[in-house]
Amino acid sequence: MPRSATDLKPRILAEARRLLVAEGYGALSTRRIAREVGCTAPSIYLYFANKDTLVHALVDEGFQLLRAALEAARTQDGSLESLCRAYADFALANPEYYEVMFHLGTAELARYPKERYREQRAVLDLMAQAALGPGPEPEAALRTATLIWSSLHGAISLHLAHRIDKSVRGPELLDDAVRVAVQAARLEPTLRTE
């Protein structure tokens, strides 16, 4: 059964994501992607101006999925703990997206546009709002979001990279990371006043 053109863009993105994670930015080529998805290399340019815009689209896609996960957690009970758990669950369920969103770094890749990064980064502010309440002062919100994110990100990154000691069980470590992130958010205002 021939594949339709309407599902070409998602297939291009999926193959690009797979290649990036498995082999790195240097292995990513439109010819290789085209061969894997069954189209011509010029067909890819109908959707993406170049390799970097393709990678940036993957970052966008990952942040959209993360935003949906956090919004769902906020709708369910809105607690900081549930948002942190949703973040950790997203990372574990989507390790390829997580890798592309937060770990892909290469001198050859064009910098992700600052305005889009700020827009995408705002998903983490949902956690700051859960910690600080509605309409937190921008500086406090940014600092709190960064504390929460760094607590979670460190444990998640080590777990996904299989860089933790075998005697440390991953699920328990991530449960603890959620607890530490929640505690860090509660401590942050007191740290500011000292």
C-alpha atoms as a PDB file:
ATOM      1  CA  MET A   1       0.000   0.000   0.000  1.00  0.00           C
ATOM      2  CA  PRO A   2       1.576   3.328  -1.008  1.00  0.00           C
ATOM      3  CA  ARG A   3       2.149   5.880   1.692  1.00  0.00           C
ATOM      4  CA  SER A   4       0.281   9.119   1.332  1.00  0.00           C
ATOM      5  CA  ALA A   5       1.944  12.497   1.137  1.00  0.00           C
ATOM      6  CA  THR A   6      -0.051  13.649   4.158  1.00  0.00           C
ATOM      7  CA  ASP A   7       1.887  11.388   6.486  1.00  0.00           C
ATOM      8  CA  LEU A   8       5.274  12.294   5.000  1.00  0.00           C
ATOM      9  CA  LYS A   9       6.090  15.142   7.399  1.00  0.00           C
ATOM     10  CA  PRO A  10       5.588  13.030  10.571  1.00  0.00           C
ATOM     11  CA  ARG A  11       7.669  10.225   9.044  1.00  0.00           C
ATOM     12  CA  ILE A  12      10.463  12.681   8.204  1.00  0.00           C
ATOM     13  CA  LEU A  13      10.437  14.009  11.757  1.00  0.00           C
ATOM     14  CA  ALA A  14      10.396  10.517  13.286  1.00  0.00           C
ATOM     15  CA  GLU A  15      13.335   9.351  11.175  1.00  0.00           C
ATOM     16  CA  ALA A  16      15.299  12.530  11.852  1.00  0.00           C
ATOM     17  CA  ARG A  17      14.724  12.094  15.586  1.00  0.00           C
ATOM     18  CA  ARG A  18      15.845   8.468  15.426  1.00  0.00           C
ATOM     19  CA  LEU A  19      19.000   9.338  13.487  1.00  0.00           C
ATOM     20  CA  LEU A  20      19.896  12.249  15.749  1.00  0.00           C
ATOM     21  CA  VAL A  21      19.681  10.168  18.892  1.00  0.00           C
ATOM     22  CA  ALA A  22      21.292   7.046  17.461  1.00  0.00           C
ATOM     23  CA  GLU A  23      24.101   8.605  15.456  1.00  0.00           C
ATOM     24  CA  GLY A  24      24.263  12.328  16.133  1.00  0.00           C
ATOM     25  CA  TYR A  25      23.870  15.477  14.122  1.00  0.00           C
ATOM     26  CA  GLY A  26      26.667  14.562  11.699  1.00  0.00           C
ATOM     27  CA  ALA A  27      24.760  11.480  10.508  1.00  0.00           C
ATOM     28  CA  LEU A  28      21.639  13.481   9.751  1.00  0.00           C
ATOM     29  CA  SER A  29      21.218  14.042   6.026  1.00  0.00           C
ATOM     30  CA  THR A  30      18.178  14.679   3.872  1.00  0.00           C
ATOM     31  CA  ARG A  31      19.244  11.907   1.487  1.00  0.00           C
ATOM     32  CA  ARG A  32      19.457   9.386   4.271  1.00  0.00           C
ATOM     33  CA  ILE A  33      16.118  10.458   5.745  1.00  0.00           C
ATOM     34  CA  ALA A  34      14.521  10.350   2.299  1.00  0.00           C
ATOM     35  CA  ARG A  35      15.825   6.840   1.676  1.00  0.00           C
ATOM     36  CA  GLU A  36      14.462   5.621   5.030  1.00  0.00           C
ATOM     37  CA  VAL A  37      10.998   7.175   4.610  1.00  0.00           C
ATOM     38  CA  GLY A  38      10.643   6.367   0.926  1.00  0.00           C
ATOM     39  CA  CYS A  39      10.684   9.786  -0.706  1.00  0.00           C
ATOM     40  CA  THR A  40      13.136  11.971  -2.582  1.00  0.00           C
ATOM     41  CA  ALA A  41      15.511  14.354  -0.799  1.00  0.00           C
ATOM     42  CA  PRO A  42      13.891  17.412  -2.457  1.00  0.00           C
ATOM     43  CA  SER A  43      10.538  16.324  -0.976  1.00  0.00           C
ATOM     44  CA  ILE A  44      11.918  17.059   2.477  1.00  0.00           C
ATOM     45  CA  TYR A  45      12.521  20.670   1.442  1.00  0.00           C
ATOM     46  CA  LEU A  46       8.798  21.079   0.886  1.00  0.00           C
ATOM     47  CA  TYR A  47       8.481  20.969   4.689  1.00  0.00           C
ATOM     48  CA  PHE A  48      11.879  22.121   5.982  1.00  0.00           C
ATOM     49  CA  ALA A  49      14.207  24.766   4.557  1.00  0.00           C
ATOM     50  CA  ASN A  50      17.317  22.930   5.751  1.00  0.00           C
ATOM     51  CA  LYS A  51      18.640  20.410   8.238  1.00  0.00           C
ATOM     52  CA  ASP A  52      18.600  22.909  11.098  1.00  0.00           C
ATOM     53  CA  THR A  53      14.954  23.865  10.617  1.00  0.00           C
ATOM     54  CA  LEU A  54      14.184  20.142  10.697  1.00  0.00           C
ATOM     55  CA  VAL A  55      15.986  19.777  14.047  1.00  0.00           C
ATOM     56  CA  HIS A  56      14.265  22.912  15.361  1.00  0.00           C
ATOM     57  CA  ALA A  57      10.913  21.402  14.358  1.00  0.00           C
ATOM     58  CA  LEU A  58      11.779  18.362  16.479  1.00  0.00           C
ATOM     59  CA  VAL A  59      12.501  20.631  19.455  1.00  0.00           C
ATOM     60  CA  ASP A  60       9.158  22.383  18.887  1.00  0.00           C
ATOM     61  CA  GLU A  61       7.363  19.051  18.667  1.00  0.00           C
ATOM     62  CA  GLY A  62       8.943  17.834  21.897  1.00  0.00           C
ATOM     63  CA  PHE A  63       8.002  20.996  23.759  1.00  0.00           C
ATOM     64  CA  GLN A  64       4.420  20.728  22.484  1.00  0.00           C
ATOM     65  CA  LEU A  65       4.210  17.208  23.903  1.00  0.00           C
ATOM     66  CA  LEU A  66       5.750  18.341  27.190  1.00  0.00           C
ATOM     67  CA  ARG A  67       3.334  21.261  27.408  1.00  0.00           C
ATOM     68  CA  ALA A  68       0.387  18.899  26.848  1.00  0.00           C
ATOM     69  CA  ALA A  69       1.637  16.587  29.615  1.00  0.00           C
ATOM     70  CA  LEU A  70       2.086  19.466  32.065  1.00  0.00           C
ATOM     71  CA  GLU A  71      -1.254  21.044  31.149  1.00  0.00           C
ATOM     72  CA  ALA A  72      -2.974  17.689  31.744  1.00  0.00           C
ATOM     73  CA  ALA A  73      -1.323  17.438  35.163  1.00  0.00           C
ATOM     74  CA  ARG A  74      -2.315  21.007  35.962  1.00  0.00           C
ATOM     75  CA  THR A  75      -5.921  20.243  34.993  1.00  0.00           C
ATOM     76  CA  GLN A  76      -6.030  17.113  37.165  1.00  0.00           C
ATOM     77  CA  ASP A  77      -4.901  18.617  40.454  1.00  0.00           C
ATOM     78  CA  GLY A  78      -2.420  21.386  39.668  1.00  0.00           C
ATOM     79  CA  SER A  79      -0.044  20.484  42.466  1.00  0.00           C
ATOM     80  CA  LEU A  80       3.655  21.028  42.001  1.00  0.00           C
ATOM     81  CA  GLU A  81       4.260  17.356  42.722  1.00  0.00           C
ATOM     82  CA  SER A  82       1.896  16.223  39.946  1.00  0.00           C
ATOM     83  CA  LEU A  83       3.534  18.634  37.484  1.00  0.00           C
ATOM     84  CA  CYS A  84       7.002  17.366  38.421  1.00  0.00           C
ATOM     85  CA  ARG A  85       5.836  13.768  38.042  1.00  0.00           C
ATOM     86  CA  ALA A  86       4.339  14.604  34.646  1.00  0.00           C
ATOM     87  CA  TYR A  87       7.679  16.116  33.603  1.00  0.00           C
ATOM     88  CA  ALA A  88       9.593  12.999  34.716  1.00  0.00           C
ATOM     89  CA  ASP A  89       7.027  10.699  33.087  1.00  0.00           C
ATOM     90  CA  PHE A  90       7.315  12.662  29.837  1.00  0.00           C
ATOM     91  CA  ALA A  91      11.102  12.250  29.835  1.00  0.00           C
ATOM     92  CA  LEU A  92      10.918   8.510  30.495  1.00  0.00           C
ATOM     93  CA  ALA A  93       8.192   7.941  27.910  1.00  0.00           C
ATOM     94  CA  ASN A  94       9.921  10.126  25.287  1.00  0.00           C
ATOM     95  CA  PRO A  95      13.686   9.716  25.704  1.00  0.00           C
ATOM     96  CA  GLU A  96      14.398  10.624  22.070  1.00  0.00           C
ATOM     97  CA  TYR A  97      12.497  13.904  22.352  1.00  0.00           C
ATOM     98  CA  TYR A  98      14.164  14.616  25.688  1.00  0.00           C
ATOM     99  CA  GLU A  99      17.575  14.038  24.118  1.00  0.00           C
ATOM    100  CA  VAL A 100      16.852  16.384  21.213  1.00  0.00           C
ATOM    101  CA  MET A 101      15.249  19.050  23.418  1.00  0.00           C
ATOM    102  CA  PHE A 102      17.882  19.222  26.128  1.00  0.00           C
ATOM    103  CA  HIS A 103      21.045  17.347  25.205  1.00  0.00           C
ATOM    104  CA  LEU A 104      21.679  17.922  21.543  1.00  0.00           C
ATOM    105  CA  GLY A 105      24.568  20.304  21.289  1.00  0.00           C
ATOM    106  CA  THR A 106      26.732  20.792  18.276  1.00  0.00           C
ATOM    107  CA  ALA A 107      28.702  23.679  16.864  1.00  0.00           C
ATOM    108  CA  GLU A 108      27.313  22.963  13.387  1.00  0.00           C
ATOM    109  CA  LEU A 109      23.658  23.323  14.378  1.00  0.00           C
ATOM    110  CA  ALA A 110      22.192  26.798  14.043  1.00  0.00           C
ATOM    111  CA  ARG A 111      21.176  28.168  17.411  1.00  0.00           C
ATOM    112  CA  TYR A 112      17.538  27.534  18.272  1.00  0.00           C
ATOM    113  CA  PRO A 113      15.788  30.899  17.781  1.00  0.00           C
ATOM    114  CA  LYS A 114      15.803  32.844  21.056  1.00  0.00           C
ATOM    115  CA  GLU A 115      12.171  33.926  20.833  1.00  0.00           C
ATOM    116  CA  ARG A 116      11.007  30.344  20.215  1.00  0.00           C
ATOM    117  CA  TYR A 117      13.161  29.079  23.078  1.00  0.00           C
ATOM    118  CA  ARG A 118      11.608  31.624  25.438  1.00  0.00           C
ATOM    119  CA  GLU A 119       8.151  30.579  24.278  1.00  0.00           C
ATOM    120  CA  GLN A 120       8.914  26.874  24.686  1.00  0.00           C
ATOM    121  CA  ARG A 121      10.749  27.405  27.961  1.00  0.00           C
ATOM    122  CA  ALA A 122       7.578  28.926  29.403  1.00  0.00           C
ATOM    123  CA  VAL A 123       6.225  25.405  29.917  1.00  0.00           C
ATOM    124  CA  LEU A 124       8.539  25.144  32.909  1.00  0.00           C
ATOM    125  CA  ASP A 125       6.927  28.245  34.374  1.00  0.00           C
ATOM    126  CA  LEU A 126       3.829  26.108  34.966  1.00  0.00           C
ATOM    127  CA  MET A 127       5.832  24.445  37.737  1.00  0.00           C
ATOM    128  CA  ALA A 128       6.888  27.808  39.170  1.00  0.00           C
ATOM    129  CA  GLN A 129       3.264  28.957  39.189  1.00  0.00           C
ATOM    130  CA  ALA A 130       2.281  25.792  41.043  1.00  0.00           C
ATOM    131  CA  ALA A 131       5.012  26.520  43.597  1.00  0.00           C
ATOM    132  CA  LEU A 132       4.522  30.276  43.961  1.00  0.00           C
ATOM    133  CA  GLY A 133       0.867  30.788  43.131  1.00  0.00           C
ATOM    134  CA  PRO A 134      -0.679  32.870  40.329  1.00  0.00           C
ATOM    135  CA  GLY A 135       1.182  35.847  38.915  1.00  0.00           C
ATOM    136  CA  PRO A 136       4.558  35.352  40.571  1.00  0.00           C
ATOM    137  CA  GLU A 137       7.169  38.054  40.187  1.00  0.00           C
ATOM    138  CA  PRO A 138       9.031  37.240  36.920  1.00  0.00           C
ATOM    139  CA  GLU A 139      12.469  36.971  38.519  1.00  0.00           C
ATOM    140  CA  ALA A 140      11.203  34.677  41.281  1.00  0.00           C
ATOM    141  CA  ALA A 141       9.290  32.543  38.778  1.00  0.00           C
ATOM    142  CA  LEU A 142      12.355  32.128  36.561  1.00  0.00           C
ATOM    143  CA  ARG A 143      14.592  31.252  39.499  1.00  0.00           C
ATOM    144  CA  THR A 144      12.064  28.786  40.936  1.00  0.00           C
ATOM    145  CA  ALA A 145      11.424  27.158  37.555  1.00  0.00           C
ATOM    146  CA  THR A 146      15.180  26.783  37.078  1.00  0.00           C
ATOM    147  CA  LEU A 147      15.616  25.175  40.520  1.00  0.00           C
ATOM    148  CA  ILE A 148      12.788  22.743  39.890  1.00  0.00           C
ATOM    149  CA  TRP A 149      13.977  21.921  36.385  1.00  0.00           C
ATOM    150  CA  SER A 150      17.615  21.423  37.384  1.00  0.00           C
ATOM    151  CA  SER A 151      16.640  19.069  40.218  1.00  0.00           C
ATOM    152  CA  LEU A 152      14.541  16.932  37.904  1.00  0.00           C
ATOM    153  CA  HIS A 153      16.755  17.219  34.846  1.00  0.00           C
ATOM    154  CA  GLY A 154      19.888  16.037  36.611  1.00  0.00           C
ATOM    155  CA  ALA A 155      18.346  12.816  37.919  1.00  0.00           C
ATOM    156  CA  ILE A 156      16.450  12.157  34.681  1.00  0.00           C
ATOM    157  CA  SER A 157      19.532  12.721  32.519  1.00  0.00           C
ATOM    158  CA  LEU A 158      21.662  10.390  34.631  1.00  0.00           C
ATOM    159  CA  HIS A 159      18.920   7.755  34.552  1.00  0.00           C
ATOM    160  CA  LEU A 160      18.384   7.971  30.784  1.00  0.00           C
ATOM    161  CA  ALA A 161      22.145   7.832  30.142  1.00  0.00           C
ATOM    162  CA  HIS A 162      22.515   4.804  32.451  1.00  0.00           C
ATOM    163  CA  ARG A 163      25.055   6.748  34.506  1.00  0.00           C
ATOM    164  CA  ILE A 164      23.794   5.862  37.961  1.00  0.00           C
ATOM    165  CA  ASP A 165      25.219   3.131  40.141  1.00  0.00           C
ATOM    166  CA  LYS A 166      23.525  -0.238  39.646  1.00  0.00           C
ATOM    167  CA  SER A 167      22.578  -0.333  43.310  1.00  0.00           C
ATOM    168  CA  VAL A 168      20.466   2.831  42.855  1.00  0.00           C
ATOM    169  CA  ARG A 169      17.092   1.899  41.426  1.00  0.00           C
ATOM    170  CA  GLY A 170      15.966   4.348  38.748  1.00  0.00           C
ATOM    171  CA  PRO A 171      12.275   4.579  39.700  1.00  0.00           C
ATOM    172  CA  GLU A 172      13.102   5.353  43.326  1.00  0.00           C
ATOM    173  CA  LEU A 173      15.709   7.897  42.258  1.00  0.00           C
ATOM    174  CA  LEU A 174      13.128   9.696  40.127  1.00  0.00           C
ATOM    175  CA  ASP A 175      10.573   9.620  42.952  1.00  0.00           C
ATOM    176  CA  ASP A 176      13.222  11.192  45.169  1.00  0.00           C
ATOM    177  CA  ALA A 177      14.053  13.741  42.445  1.00  0.00           C
ATOM    178  CA  VAL A 178      10.403  14.830  42.408  1.00  0.00           C
ATOM    179  CA  ARG A 179      10.427  15.203  46.191  1.00  0.00           C
ATOM    180  CA  VAL A 180      13.699  17.190  46.083  1.00  0.00           C
ATOM    181  CA  ALA A 181      12.332  19.469  43.356  1.00  0.00           C
ATOM    182  CA  VAL A 182       9.216  20.177  45.425  1.00  0.00           C
ATOM    183  CA  GLN A 183      11.341  20.851  48.512  1.00  0.00           C
ATOM    184  CA  ALA A 184      13.708  23.106  46.538  1.00  0.00           C
ATOM    185  CA  ALA A 185      10.754  25.167  45.358  1.00  0.00           C
ATOM    186  CA  ARG A 186       9.562  25.564  48.949  1.00  0.00           C
ATOM    187  CA  LEU A 187      13.037  26.561  50.133  1.00  0.00           C
ATOM    188  CA  GLU A 188      13.709  29.062  47.339  1.00  0.00           C
ATOM    189  CA  PRO A 189      11.936  32.071  48.947  1.00  0.00           C
ATOM    190  CA  THR A 190      13.805  31.526  52.219  1.00  0.00           C
ATOM    191  CA  LEU A 191      17.116  31.292  50.397  1.00  0.00           C
ATOM    192  CA  ARG A 192      16.422  34.687  48.813  1.00  0.00           C
ATOM    193  CA  THR A 193      15.914  36.421  52.145  1.00  0.00           C
ATOM    194  CA  GLU A 194      19.132  35.163  53.766  1.00  0.00           C
END
